[in-house]
Amino acid sequence: MFEKVLVANRGEIAIRVMRALREMGIASVAVYSEADRDAPHVRYADEAHLLGPPTPAESYLAIPKIVEVAQKVGAEAVHPGYGRRADKADFARA
């Protein structure tokens, strides 16, 4: 079983994933842009880490940044959430 999972999404989707992780006894890691510093998913997570500027291309869609944070915090898995990353083979390979 995993001990820590990075959730690469925001908003209600991220909170639902984090809630399930919490019920399973798994720590959650949120990522966020500067614009989402005080967002609910950031407050709900066990840990939260800044990805970068507000623009999605420089934060939420920057696959190398997400992978870097996951490695830095010792996340054993990354949940892509729902949307742009979830259906990208590039993200799964990274």
PDB file of N, CA and C in Angstrom:
ATOM      1  N   MET A   1       0.856  -1.180   0.000  1.00  0.00           N
ATOM      2  CA  MET A   1       0.000   0.000   0.000  1.00  0.00           C
ATOM      3  C   MET A   1       0.897   1.236   0.000  1.00  0.00           C
ATOM      4  N   PHE A   2       0.422   2.273  -0.619  1.00  0.00           N
ATOM      5  CA  PHE A   2       1.148   3.542  -0.639  1.00  0.00           C
ATOM      6  C   PHE A   2       1.022   4.248   0.702  1.00  0.00           C
ATOM      7  N   GLU A   3       2.036   5.037   1.028  1.00  0.00           N
ATOM      8  CA  GLU A   3       1.983   5.861   2.233  1.00  0.00           C
ATOM      9  C   GLU A   3       1.695   7.316   1.902  1.00  0.00           C
ATOM     10  N   LYS A   4       2.085   7.756   0.681  1.00  0.00           N
ATOM     11  CA  LYS A   4       1.907   9.148   0.294  1.00  0.00           C
ATOM     12  C   LYS A   4       1.640   9.237  -1.202  1.00  0.00           C
ATOM     13  N   VAL A   5       0.604  10.006  -1.576  1.00  0.00           N
ATOM     14  CA  VAL A   5       0.220  10.173  -2.974  1.00  0.00           C
ATOM     15  C   VAL A   5       0.081  11.661  -3.276  1.00  0.00           C
ATOM     16  N   LEU A   6       0.697  12.092  -4.364  1.00  0.00           N
ATOM     17  CA  LEU A   6       0.523  13.459  -4.837  1.00  0.00           C
ATOM     18  C   LEU A   6      -0.708  13.498  -5.728  1.00  0.00           C
ATOM     19  N   VAL A   7      -1.580  14.463  -5.478  1.00  0.00           N
ATOM     20  CA  VAL A   7      -2.797  14.623  -6.265  1.00  0.00           C
ATOM     21  C   VAL A   7      -2.576  15.793  -7.223  1.00  0.00           C
ATOM     22  N   ALA A   8      -2.465  15.476  -8.499  1.00  0.00           N
ATOM     23  CA  ALA A   8      -2.132  16.475  -9.521  1.00  0.00           C
ATOM     24  C   ALA A   8      -3.394  17.077 -10.117  1.00  0.00           C
ATOM     25  N   ASN A   9      -4.225  17.623  -9.261  1.00  0.00           N
ATOM     26  CA  ASN A   9      -5.446  18.273  -9.701  1.00  0.00           C
ATOM     27  C   ASN A   9      -5.812  19.283  -8.632  1.00  0.00           C
ATOM     28  N   ARG A  10      -6.865  20.032  -8.864  1.00  0.00           N
ATOM     29  CA  ARG A  10      -7.294  21.034  -7.895  1.00  0.00           C
ATOM     30  C   ARG A  10      -8.816  21.012  -7.786  1.00  0.00           C
ATOM     31  N   GLY A  11      -9.335  21.793  -6.879  1.00  0.00           N
ATOM     32  CA  GLY A  11     -10.780  21.907  -6.747  1.00  0.00           C
ATOM     33  C   GLY A  11     -11.427  20.676  -6.136  1.00  0.00           C
ATOM     34  N   GLU A  12     -12.704  20.515  -6.449  1.00  0.00           N
ATOM     35  CA  GLU A  12     -13.511  19.436  -5.865  1.00  0.00           C
ATOM     36  C   GLU A  12     -12.964  18.052  -6.199  1.00  0.00           C
ATOM     37  N   ILE A  13     -12.457  17.872  -7.397  1.00  0.00           N
ATOM     38  CA  ILE A  13     -11.888  16.569  -7.777  1.00  0.00           C
ATOM     39  C   ILE A  13     -10.744  16.211  -6.840  1.00  0.00           C
ATOM     40  N   ALA A  14      -9.839  17.149  -6.606  1.00  0.00           N
ATOM     41  CA  ALA A  14      -8.703  16.887  -5.721  1.00  0.00           C
ATOM     42  C   ALA A  14      -9.170  16.558  -4.314  1.00  0.00           C
ATOM     43  N   ILE A  15     -10.147  17.285  -3.813  1.00  0.00           N
ATOM     44  CA  ILE A  15     -10.644  17.036  -2.459  1.00  0.00           C
ATOM     45  C   ILE A  15     -11.274  15.651  -2.359  1.00  0.00           C
ATOM     46  N   ARG A  16     -12.001  15.224  -3.370  1.00  0.00           N
ATOM     47  CA  ARG A  16     -12.593  13.881  -3.348  1.00  0.00           C
ATOM     48  C   ARG A  16     -11.516  12.807  -3.310  1.00  0.00           C
ATOM     49  N   VAL A  17     -10.474  12.984  -4.099  1.00  0.00           N
ATOM     50  CA  VAL A  17      -9.363  12.017  -4.101  1.00  0.00           C
ATOM     51  C   VAL A  17      -8.683  12.017  -2.735  1.00  0.00           C
ATOM     52  N   MET A  18      -8.423  13.201  -2.196  1.00  0.00           N
ATOM     53  CA  MET A  18      -7.754  13.310  -0.894  1.00  0.00           C
ATOM     54  C   MET A  18      -8.591  12.715   0.223  1.00  0.00           C
ATOM     55  N   ARG A  19      -9.893  12.877   0.132  1.00  0.00           N
ATOM     56  CA  ARG A  19     -10.787  12.294   1.139  1.00  0.00           C
ATOM     57  C   ARG A  19     -10.687  10.770   1.112  1.00  0.00           C
ATOM     58  N   ALA A  20     -10.670  10.194  -0.075  1.00  0.00           N
ATOM     59  CA  ALA A  20     -10.530   8.738  -0.201  1.00  0.00           C
ATOM     60  C   ALA A  20      -9.172   8.283   0.335  1.00  0.00           C
ATOM     61  N   LEU A  21      -8.123   9.036   0.022  1.00  0.00           N
ATOM     62  CA  LEU A  21      -6.791   8.694   0.545  1.00  0.00           C
ATOM     63  C   LEU A  21      -6.788   8.720   2.066  1.00  0.00           C
ATOM     64  N   ARG A  22      -7.393   9.747   2.636  1.00  0.00           N
ATOM     65  CA  ARG A  22      -7.441   9.877   4.092  1.00  0.00           C
ATOM     66  C   ARG A  22      -8.164   8.681   4.718  1.00  0.00           C
ATOM     67  N   GLU A  23      -9.270   8.260   4.112  1.00  0.00           N
ATOM     68  CA  GLU A  23     -10.016   7.103   4.617  1.00  0.00           C
ATOM     69  C   GLU A  23      -9.186   5.831   4.563  1.00  0.00           C
ATOM     70  N   MET A  24      -8.235   5.777   3.619  1.00  0.00           N
ATOM     71  CA  MET A  24      -7.361   4.610   3.476  1.00  0.00           C
ATOM     72  C   MET A  24      -6.085   4.733   4.302  1.00  0.00           C
ATOM     73  N   GLY A  25      -5.919   5.849   5.007  1.00  0.00           N
ATOM     74  CA  GLY A  25      -4.728   6.049   5.826  1.00  0.00           C
ATOM     75  C   GLY A  25      -3.505   6.450   5.017  1.00  0.00           C
ATOM     76  N   ILE A  26      -3.724   7.053   3.863  1.00  0.00           N
ATOM     77  CA  ILE A  26      -2.635   7.461   2.975  1.00  0.00           C
ATOM     78  C   ILE A  26      -2.534   8.986   2.992  1.00  0.00           C
ATOM     79  N   ALA A  27      -1.335   9.519   3.167  1.00  0.00           N
ATOM     80  CA  ALA A  27      -1.117  10.964   3.173  1.00  0.00           C
ATOM     81  C   ALA A  27      -1.290  11.530   1.765  1.00  0.00           C
ATOM     82  N   SER A  28      -1.861  12.731   1.691  1.00  0.00           N
ATOM     83  CA  SER A  28      -2.062  13.388   0.400  1.00  0.00           C
ATOM     84  C   SER A  28      -1.161  14.609   0.275  1.00  0.00           C
ATOM     85  N   VAL A  29      -0.719  14.848  -0.946  1.00  0.00           N
ATOM     86  CA  VAL A  29       0.101  16.021  -1.263  1.00  0.00           C
ATOM     87  C   VAL A  29      -0.616  16.805  -2.347  1.00  0.00           C
ATOM     88  N   ALA A  30      -0.885  18.073  -2.065  1.00  0.00           N
ATOM     89  CA  ALA A  30      -1.491  18.955  -3.062  1.00  0.00           C
ATOM     90  C   ALA A  30      -0.400  19.756  -3.749  1.00  0.00           C
ATOM     91  N   VAL A  31      -0.668  20.116  -4.991  1.00  0.00           N
ATOM     92  CA  VAL A  31       0.163  21.080  -5.700  1.00  0.00           C
ATOM     93  C   VAL A  31      -0.739  22.246  -6.081  1.00  0.00           C
ATOM     94  N   TYR A  32      -0.147  23.437  -6.186  1.00  0.00           N
ATOM     95  CA  TYR A  32      -0.957  24.611  -6.460  1.00  0.00           C
ATOM     96  C   TYR A  32      -0.136  25.684  -7.171  1.00  0.00           C
ATOM     97  N   SER A  33      -0.847  26.562  -7.856  1.00  0.00           N
ATOM     98  CA  SER A  33      -0.212  27.719  -8.477  1.00  0.00           C
ATOM     99  C   SER A  33      -0.301  28.885  -7.491  1.00  0.00           C
ATOM    100  N   GLU A  34       0.407  29.950  -7.789  1.00  0.00           N
ATOM    101  CA  GLU A  34       0.372  31.131  -6.920  1.00  0.00           C
ATOM    102  C   GLU A  34      -1.055  31.650  -6.747  1.00  0.00           C
ATOM    103  N   ALA A  35      -1.879  31.516  -7.768  1.00  0.00           N
ATOM    104  CA  ALA A  35      -3.263  31.994  -7.696  1.00  0.00           C
ATOM    105  C   ALA A  35      -4.120  31.156  -6.761  1.00  0.00           C
ATOM    106  N   ASP A  36      -3.727  29.925  -6.504  1.00  0.00           N
ATOM    107  CA  ASP A  36      -4.531  29.008  -5.686  1.00  0.00           C
ATOM    108  C   ASP A  36      -3.953  28.764  -4.302  1.00  0.00           C
ATOM    109  N   ARG A  37      -3.097  29.646  -3.870  1.00  0.00           N
ATOM    110  CA  ARG A  37      -2.407  29.470  -2.582  1.00  0.00           C
ATOM    111  C   ARG A  37      -3.372  29.164  -1.428  1.00  0.00           C
ATOM    112  N   ASP A  38      -4.551  29.779  -1.432  1.00  0.00           N
ATOM    113  CA  ASP A  38      -5.518  29.588  -0.341  1.00  0.00           C
ATOM    114  C   ASP A  38      -6.727  28.754  -0.758  1.00  0.00           C
ATOM    115  N   ALA A  39      -6.588  27.986  -1.801  1.00  0.00           N
ATOM    116  CA  ALA A  39      -7.699  27.180  -2.313  1.00  0.00           C
ATOM    117  C   ALA A  39      -8.041  26.042  -1.346  1.00  0.00           C
ATOM    118  N   PRO A  40      -9.284  25.588  -1.366  1.00  0.00           N
ATOM    119  CA  PRO A  40      -9.700  24.506  -0.455  1.00  0.00           C
ATOM    120  C   PRO A  40      -8.854  23.237  -0.565  1.00  0.00           C
ATOM    121  N   HIS A  41      -8.448  22.842  -1.775  1.00  0.00           N
ATOM    122  CA  HIS A  41      -7.668  21.608  -1.895  1.00  0.00           C
ATOM    123  C   HIS A  41      -6.302  21.742  -1.232  1.00  0.00           C
ATOM    124  N   VAL A  42      -5.774  22.951  -1.208  1.00  0.00           N
ATOM    125  CA  VAL A  42      -4.479  23.200  -0.561  1.00  0.00           C
ATOM    126  C   VAL A  42      -4.618  23.050   0.951  1.00  0.00           C
ATOM    127  N   ARG A  43      -5.691  23.578   1.491  1.00  0.00           N
ATOM    128  CA  ARG A  43      -5.924  23.491   2.939  1.00  0.00           C
ATOM    129  C   ARG A  43      -6.285  22.073   3.376  1.00  0.00           C
ATOM    130  N   TYR A  44      -6.944  21.311   2.513  1.00  0.00           N
ATOM    131  CA  TYR A  44      -7.404  19.972   2.869  1.00  0.00           C
ATOM    132  C   TYR A  44      -6.271  18.944   2.878  1.00  0.00           C
ATOM    133  N   ALA A  45      -5.293  19.127   2.040  1.00  0.00           N
ATOM    134  CA  ALA A  45      -4.201  18.152   1.896  1.00  0.00           C
ATOM    135  C   ALA A  45      -3.332  18.075   3.147  1.00  0.00           C
ATOM    136  N   ASP A  46      -2.669  16.953   3.300  1.00  0.00           N
ATOM    137  CA  ASP A  46      -1.719  16.798   4.401  1.00  0.00           C
ATOM    138  C   ASP A  46      -0.474  17.656   4.182  1.00  0.00           C
ATOM    139  N   GLU A  47      -0.097  17.833   2.927  1.00  0.00           N
ATOM    140  CA  GLU A  47       1.020  18.701   2.536  1.00  0.00           C
ATOM    141  C   GLU A  47       0.615  19.434   1.269  1.00  0.00           C
ATOM    142  N   ALA A  48       1.210  20.602   1.053  1.00  0.00           N
ATOM    143  CA  ALA A  48       0.938  21.340  -0.185  1.00  0.00           C
ATOM    144  C   ALA A  48       2.224  22.007  -0.654  1.00  0.00           C
ATOM    145  N   HIS A  49       2.428  21.996  -1.986  1.00  0.00           N
ATOM    146  CA  HIS A  49       3.657  22.540  -2.549  1.00  0.00           C
ATOM    147  C   HIS A  49       3.356  23.393  -3.776  1.00  0.00           C
ATOM    148  N   LEU A  50       3.996  24.525  -3.816  1.00  0.00           N
ATOM    149  CA  LEU A  50       3.836  25.479  -4.908  1.00  0.00           C
ATOM    150  C   LEU A  50       4.472  24.940  -6.185  1.00  0.00           C
ATOM    151  N   LEU A  51       3.711  25.011  -7.283  1.00  0.00           N
ATOM    152  CA  LEU A  51       4.237  24.626  -8.598  1.00  0.00           C
ATOM    153  C   LEU A  51       4.810  25.815  -9.348  1.00  0.00           C
ATOM    154  N   GLY A  52       4.172  26.978  -9.221  1.00  0.00           N
ATOM    155  CA  GLY A  52       4.662  28.132  -9.940  1.00  0.00           C
ATOM    156  C   GLY A  52       3.602  29.179 -10.189  1.00  0.00           C
ATOM    157  N   PRO A  53       3.804  29.975 -11.239  1.00  0.00           N
ATOM    158  CA  PRO A  53       2.912  31.091 -11.570  1.00  0.00           C
ATOM    159  C   PRO A  53       1.473  30.637 -11.837  1.00  0.00           C
ATOM    160  N   PRO A  54       0.549  31.612 -11.880  1.00  0.00           N
ATOM    161  CA  PRO A  54      -0.874  31.301 -12.061  1.00  0.00           C
ATOM    162  C   PRO A  54      -1.236  30.618 -13.379  1.00  0.00           C
ATOM    163  N   THR A  55      -0.489  30.848 -14.431  1.00  0.00           N
ATOM    164  CA  THR A  55      -0.872  30.263 -15.714  1.00  0.00           C
ATOM    165  C   THR A  55      -0.699  28.747 -15.681  1.00  0.00           C
ATOM    166  N   PRO A  56      -1.716  27.999 -16.121  1.00  0.00           N
ATOM    167  CA  PRO A  56      -1.645  26.532 -16.087  1.00  0.00           C
ATOM    168  C   PRO A  56      -0.412  25.960 -16.794  1.00  0.00           C
ATOM    169  N   ALA A  57      -0.007  26.547 -17.886  1.00  0.00           N
ATOM    170  CA  ALA A  57       1.162  26.029 -18.612  1.00  0.00           C
ATOM    171  C   ALA A  57       2.430  26.081 -17.772  1.00  0.00           C
ATOM    172  N   GLU A  58       2.475  27.003 -16.826  1.00  0.00           N
ATOM    173  CA  GLU A  58       3.655  27.147 -15.975  1.00  0.00           C
ATOM    174  C   GLU A  58       3.491  26.467 -14.618  1.00  0.00           C
ATOM    175  N   SER A  59       2.345  25.834 -14.402  1.00  0.00           N
ATOM    176  CA  SER A  59       2.116  25.193 -13.108  1.00  0.00           C
ATOM    177  C   SER A  59       1.436  23.836 -13.285  1.00  0.00           C
ATOM    178  N   TYR A  60       0.117  23.808 -13.345  1.00  0.00           N
ATOM    179  CA  TYR A  60      -0.620  22.551 -13.357  1.00  0.00           C
ATOM    180  C   TYR A  60      -0.352  21.668 -14.577  1.00  0.00           C
ATOM    181  N   LEU A  61       0.030  22.254 -15.686  1.00  0.00           N
ATOM    182  CA  LEU A  61       0.294  21.471 -16.893  1.00  0.00           C
ATOM    183  C   LEU A  61       1.783  21.216 -17.121  1.00  0.00           C
ATOM    184  N   ALA A  62       2.602  21.676 -16.219  1.00  0.00           N
ATOM    185  CA  ALA A  62       4.059  21.500 -16.327  1.00  0.00           C
ATOM    186  C   ALA A  62       4.437  20.149 -15.719  1.00  0.00           C
ATOM    187  N   ILE A  63       4.402  19.122 -16.534  1.00  0.00           N
ATOM    188  CA  ILE A  63       4.658  17.754 -16.060  1.00  0.00           C
ATOM    189  C   ILE A  63       5.996  17.624 -15.327  1.00  0.00           C
ATOM    190  N   PRO A  64       7.086  18.182 -15.837  1.00  0.00           N
ATOM    191  CA  PRO A  64       8.347  18.057 -15.101  1.00  0.00           C
ATOM    192  C   PRO A  64       8.287  18.636 -13.686  1.00  0.00           C
ATOM    193  N   LYS A  65       7.559  19.731 -13.505  1.00  0.00           N
ATOM    194  CA  LYS A  65       7.437  20.319 -12.164  1.00  0.00           C
ATOM    195  C   LYS A  65       6.664  19.394 -11.231  1.00  0.00           C
ATOM    196  N   ILE A  66       5.604  18.789 -11.740  1.00  0.00           N
ATOM    197  CA  ILE A  66       4.804  17.877 -10.910  1.00  0.00           C
ATOM    198  C   ILE A  66       5.638  16.669 -10.498  1.00  0.00           C
ATOM    199  N   VAL A  67       6.366  16.107 -11.436  1.00  0.00           N
ATOM    200  CA  VAL A  67       7.221  14.949 -11.144  1.00  0.00           C
ATOM    201  C   VAL A  67       8.318  15.337 -10.148  1.00  0.00           C
ATOM    202  N   GLU A  68       8.882  16.516 -10.311  1.00  0.00           N
ATOM    203  CA  GLU A  68       9.930  16.987  -9.394  1.00  0.00           C
ATOM    204  C   GLU A  68       9.402  17.092  -7.964  1.00  0.00           C
ATOM    205  N   VAL A  69       8.221  17.659  -7.807  1.00  0.00           N
ATOM    206  CA  VAL A  69       7.628  17.765  -6.470  1.00  0.00           C
ATOM    207  C   VAL A  69       7.357  16.375  -5.908  1.00  0.00           C
ATOM    208  N   ALA A  70       6.801  15.491  -6.706  1.00  0.00           N
ATOM    209  CA  ALA A  70       6.507  14.131  -6.239  1.00  0.00           C
ATOM    210  C   ALA A  70       7.770  13.437  -5.726  1.00  0.00           C
ATOM    211  N   GLN A  71       8.858  13.582  -6.462  1.00  0.00           N
ATOM    212  CA  GLN A  71      10.113  12.968  -6.036  1.00  0.00           C
ATOM    213  C   GLN A  71      10.652  13.635  -4.775  1.00  0.00           C
ATOM    214  N   LYS A  72      10.575  14.959  -4.728  1.00  0.00           N
ATOM    215  CA  LYS A  72      11.103  15.711  -3.586  1.00  0.00           C
ATOM    216  C   LYS A  72      10.409  15.340  -2.280  1.00  0.00           C
ATOM    217  N   VAL A  73       9.095  15.135  -2.341  1.00  0.00           N
ATOM    218  CA  VAL A  73       8.344  14.853  -1.111  1.00  0.00           C
ATOM    219  C   VAL A  73       8.246  13.367  -0.790  1.00  0.00           C
ATOM    220  N   GLY A  74       8.745  12.528  -1.693  1.00  0.00           N
ATOM    221  CA  GLY A  74       8.706  11.090  -1.450  1.00  0.00           C
ATOM    222  C   GLY A  74       7.361  10.448  -1.732  1.00  0.00           C
ATOM    223  N   ALA A  75       6.582  11.052  -2.617  1.00  0.00           N
ATOM    224  CA  ALA A  75       5.302  10.443  -2.994  1.00  0.00           C
ATOM    225  C   ALA A  75       5.577   9.167  -3.781  1.00  0.00           C
ATOM    226  N   GLU A  76       4.851   8.137  -3.451  1.00  0.00           N
ATOM    227  CA  GLU A  76       5.037   6.853  -4.118  1.00  0.00           C
ATOM    228  C   GLU A  76       4.174   6.709  -5.358  1.00  0.00           C
ATOM    229  N   ALA A  77       3.213   7.610  -5.496  1.00  0.00           N
ATOM    230  CA  ALA A  77       2.325   7.589  -6.657  1.00  0.00           C
ATOM    231  C   ALA A  77       1.798   8.994  -6.898  1.00  0.00           C
ATOM    232  N   VAL A  78       1.290   9.194  -8.102  1.00  0.00           N
ATOM    233  CA  VAL A  78       0.651  10.456  -8.466  1.00  0.00           C
ATOM    234  C   VAL A  78      -0.732  10.125  -9.008  1.00  0.00           C
ATOM    235  N   HIS A  79      -1.734  10.742  -8.433  1.00  0.00           N
ATOM    236  CA  HIS A  79      -3.092  10.601  -8.961  1.00  0.00           C
ATOM    237  C   HIS A  79      -3.321  11.774  -9.897  1.00  0.00           C
ATOM    238  N   PRO A  80      -3.635  11.516 -11.171  1.00  0.00           N
ATOM    239  CA  PRO A  80      -3.763  12.608 -12.128  1.00  0.00           C
ATOM    240  C   PRO A  80      -5.052  13.407 -11.994  1.00  0.00           C
ATOM    241  N   GLY A  81      -5.982  12.928 -11.177  1.00  0.00           N
ATOM    242  CA  GLY A  81      -7.259  13.621 -11.086  1.00  0.00           C
ATOM    243  C   GLY A  81      -8.081  13.379 -12.331  1.00  0.00           C
ATOM    244  N   TYR A  82      -8.730  14.428 -12.792  1.00  0.00           N
ATOM    245  CA  TYR A  82      -9.627  14.319 -13.931  1.00  0.00           C
ATOM    246  C   TYR A  82      -9.297  15.468 -14.881  1.00  0.00           C
ATOM    247  N   GLY A  83      -9.219  15.180 -16.145  1.00  0.00           N
ATOM    248  CA  GLY A  83      -8.997  16.254 -17.105  1.00  0.00           C
ATOM    249  C   GLY A  83      -7.721  16.102 -17.900  1.00  0.00           C
ATOM    250  N   ARG A  84      -7.049  17.195 -18.081  1.00  0.00           N
ATOM    251  CA  ARG A  84      -5.935  17.287 -19.024  1.00  0.00           C
ATOM    252  C   ARG A  84      -4.802  16.293 -18.790  1.00  0.00           C
ATOM    253  N   ARG A  85      -4.416  16.079 -17.544  1.00  0.00           N
ATOM    254  CA  ARG A  85      -3.317  15.155 -17.268  1.00  0.00           C
ATOM    255  C   ARG A  85      -3.769  13.701 -17.295  1.00  0.00           C
ATOM    256  N   ALA A  86      -4.982  13.445 -16.901  1.00  0.00           N
ATOM    257  CA  ALA A  86      -5.465  12.079 -16.742  1.00  0.00           C
ATOM    258  C   ALA A  86      -5.464  11.282 -18.048  1.00  0.00           C
ATOM    259  N   ASP A  87      -5.606  11.976 -19.155  1.00  0.00           N
ATOM    260  CA  ASP A  87      -5.664  11.261 -20.424  1.00  0.00           C
ATOM    261  C   ASP A  87      -4.417  11.475 -21.274  1.00  0.00           C
ATOM    262  N   LYS A  88      -3.327  11.847 -20.652  1.00  0.00           N
ATOM    263  CA  LYS A  88      -2.068  12.087 -21.378  1.00  0.00           C
ATOM    264  C   LYS A  88      -1.064  10.964 -21.097  1.00  0.00           C
ATOM    265  N   ALA A  89      -0.696  10.254 -22.118  1.00  0.00           N
ATOM    266  CA  ALA A  89       0.300   9.196 -21.956  1.00  0.00           C
ATOM    267  C   ALA A  89       1.652   9.767 -21.531  1.00  0.00           C
ATOM    268  N   ASP A  90       1.961  10.985 -21.957  1.00  0.00           N
ATOM    269  CA  ASP A  90       3.224  11.622 -21.555  1.00  0.00           C
ATOM    270  C   ASP A  90       3.329  11.739 -20.039  1.00  0.00           C
ATOM    271  N   PHE A  91       2.214  12.073 -19.405  1.00  0.00           N
ATOM    272  CA  PHE A  91       2.212  12.212 -17.961  1.00  0.00           C
ATOM    273  C   PHE A  91       2.439  10.867 -17.289  1.00  0.00           C
ATOM    274  N   ALA A  92       1.796   9.835 -17.777  1.00  0.00           N
ATOM    275  CA  ALA A  92       1.966   8.496 -17.208  1.00  0.00           C
ATOM    276  C   ALA A  92       3.416   8.024 -17.351  1.00  0.00           C
ATOM    277  N   ARG A  93       4.017   8.285 -18.492  1.00  0.00           N
ATOM    278  CA  ARG A  93       5.418   7.887 -18.699  1.00  0.00           C
ATOM    279  C   ARG A  93       6.363   8.640 -17.765  1.00  0.00           C
ATOM    280  N   ALA A  94       6.093   9.903 -17.559  1.00  0.00           N
ATOM    281  CA  ALA A  94       6.960  10.726 -16.692  1.00  0.00           C
ATOM    282  C   ALA A  94       6.913  10.215 -15.269  1.00  0.00           C
TER     283      ALA A  94
END
